[in-house]
Protein backbone atom coordinates (compact mmCIF):
# COMPACT_ATOMS: atom_id res chain seq x y z
CA MET A 1 -0.02 -0.23 0.01
CA PRO A 2 1.67 3.08 -1.42
CA PHE A 3 2.13 6.29 1.43
CA VAL A 4 2.99 9.63 -0.35
CA SER A 5 3.76 12.99 1.91
CA ILE A 6 3.44 16.43 0.04
CA GLN A 7 5.55 19.00 1.68
CA VAL A 8 4.27 22.31 0.40
CA THR A 9 5.11 25.67 1.67
CA ARG A 10 1.64 27.46 3.14
CA GLU A 11 1.40 30.14 0.73
CA GLY A 12 -1.60 30.75 -1.94
CA SER A 13 -0.79 29.67 -5.56
CA ALA A 14 -2.23 33.06 -6.78
CA PRO A 15 -2.55 37.03 -5.10
CA GLY A 16 -4.79 36.97 -2.34
CA VAL A 17 -4.84 32.95 -1.57
CA GLU A 18 -3.15 32.75 1.48
CA ALA A 19 -2.89 28.66 1.30
CA VAL A 20 -3.32 25.77 -0.72
CA THR A 21 -6.76 25.25 -1.54
CA GLU A 22 -8.94 22.28 -0.98
CA GLN A 23 -9.00 22.16 -4.66
CA GLU A 24 -5.65 22.01 -5.52
CA LYS A 25 -5.61 19.64 -2.92
CA ALA A 26 -7.64 17.15 -4.40
CA ARG A 27 -6.04 17.31 -7.61
CA LEU A 28 -2.54 16.72 -5.99
CA ILE A 29 -4.21 13.65 -4.25
CA ALA A 30 -5.98 12.63 -7.44
CA GLY A 31 -3.32 12.91 -9.44
CA VAL A 32 -0.72 11.59 -7.36
CA SER A 33 -2.83 8.38 -6.86
CA GLN A 34 -3.44 7.95 -10.71
CA VAL A 35 0.73 8.21 -11.49
CA LEU A 36 0.96 5.34 -9.22
CA LEU A 37 -1.83 3.23 -10.56
CA GLU A 38 -0.10 3.57 -14.14
CA VAL A 39 3.37 3.10 -13.37
CA LEU A 40 3.13 0.88 -10.41
CA GLY A 41 -0.48 -1.30 -11.17
CA LYS A 42 -1.42 0.30 -7.37
CA PRO A 43 -5.08 0.49 -6.70
CA LEU A 44 -6.27 4.16 -6.34
CA GLU A 45 -8.09 2.48 -3.06
CA SER A 46 -4.74 1.27 -1.40
CA THR A 47 -2.82 4.85 -1.79
CA PHE A 48 -2.83 6.84 0.92
CA VAL A 49 -2.01 11.06 0.37
CA VAL A 50 -1.05 13.23 2.99
CA ILE A 51 -0.52 16.59 2.13
CA ASN A 52 1.83 18.62 5.09
CA GLU A 53 1.42 22.84 5.04
CA VAL A 54 4.22 24.11 6.32
CA PRO A 55 4.87 27.72 7.85
CA LEU A 56 6.53 29.43 5.27
CA GLY A 57 8.99 30.44 7.98
CA ASN A 58 9.62 26.98 8.89
CA TRP A 59 11.25 26.18 5.17
CA GLY A 60 14.64 26.62 4.38
CA TRP A 61 16.60 27.11 1.06
CA GLY A 62 20.28 26.96 0.68
CA GLY A 63 21.02 27.71 3.78
CA LEU A 64 18.77 30.12 3.90
CA PRO A 65 15.02 30.70 5.36
CA VAL A 66 13.22 30.71 1.88
CA ALA A 67 11.77 33.86 2.24
CA GLU A 68 15.61 35.65 2.58
CA PHE A 69 16.50 33.03 -0.33
CA ARG A 70 14.01 34.26 -2.79
CA ALA A 71 14.61 37.85 -1.97
CA ALA A 72 18.56 36.79 -2.81
CA ARG A 73 17.78 35.30 -6.03
CA SER A 74 15.77 38.37 -6.76
CA VAL A 75 18.49 40.79 -6.84
CA PRO A 76 20.86 40.44 -10.08
CA GLY A 77 24.20 38.84 -9.90
CA ALA A 78 23.32 37.50 -6.66
CA GLY A 79 23.56 33.76 -8.15
CA SER A 80 21.39 31.64 -10.04
CA ASP A 81 18.83 28.64 -9.64
CA SER A 82 17.74 26.57 -12.39
CA SER A 83 14.85 25.22 -10.34
């Protein structure tokens, strides 16, 4: 029985949206479950998906809190990232 854990920062995907919406979560759950069915033949009813929303201040990237990392990336000449 597959178990998938998805961790995302607690922030919206559009202006005025402060968190992942219920519709977005449903699409993530359906999509991941479908991939496991198609690739590994795992039945939908045996697949568990958990989405954890992490406060932005609890997420780090490149040795910095993510907000600082993003700010540094937006400064020309401050480094590059291909993701």
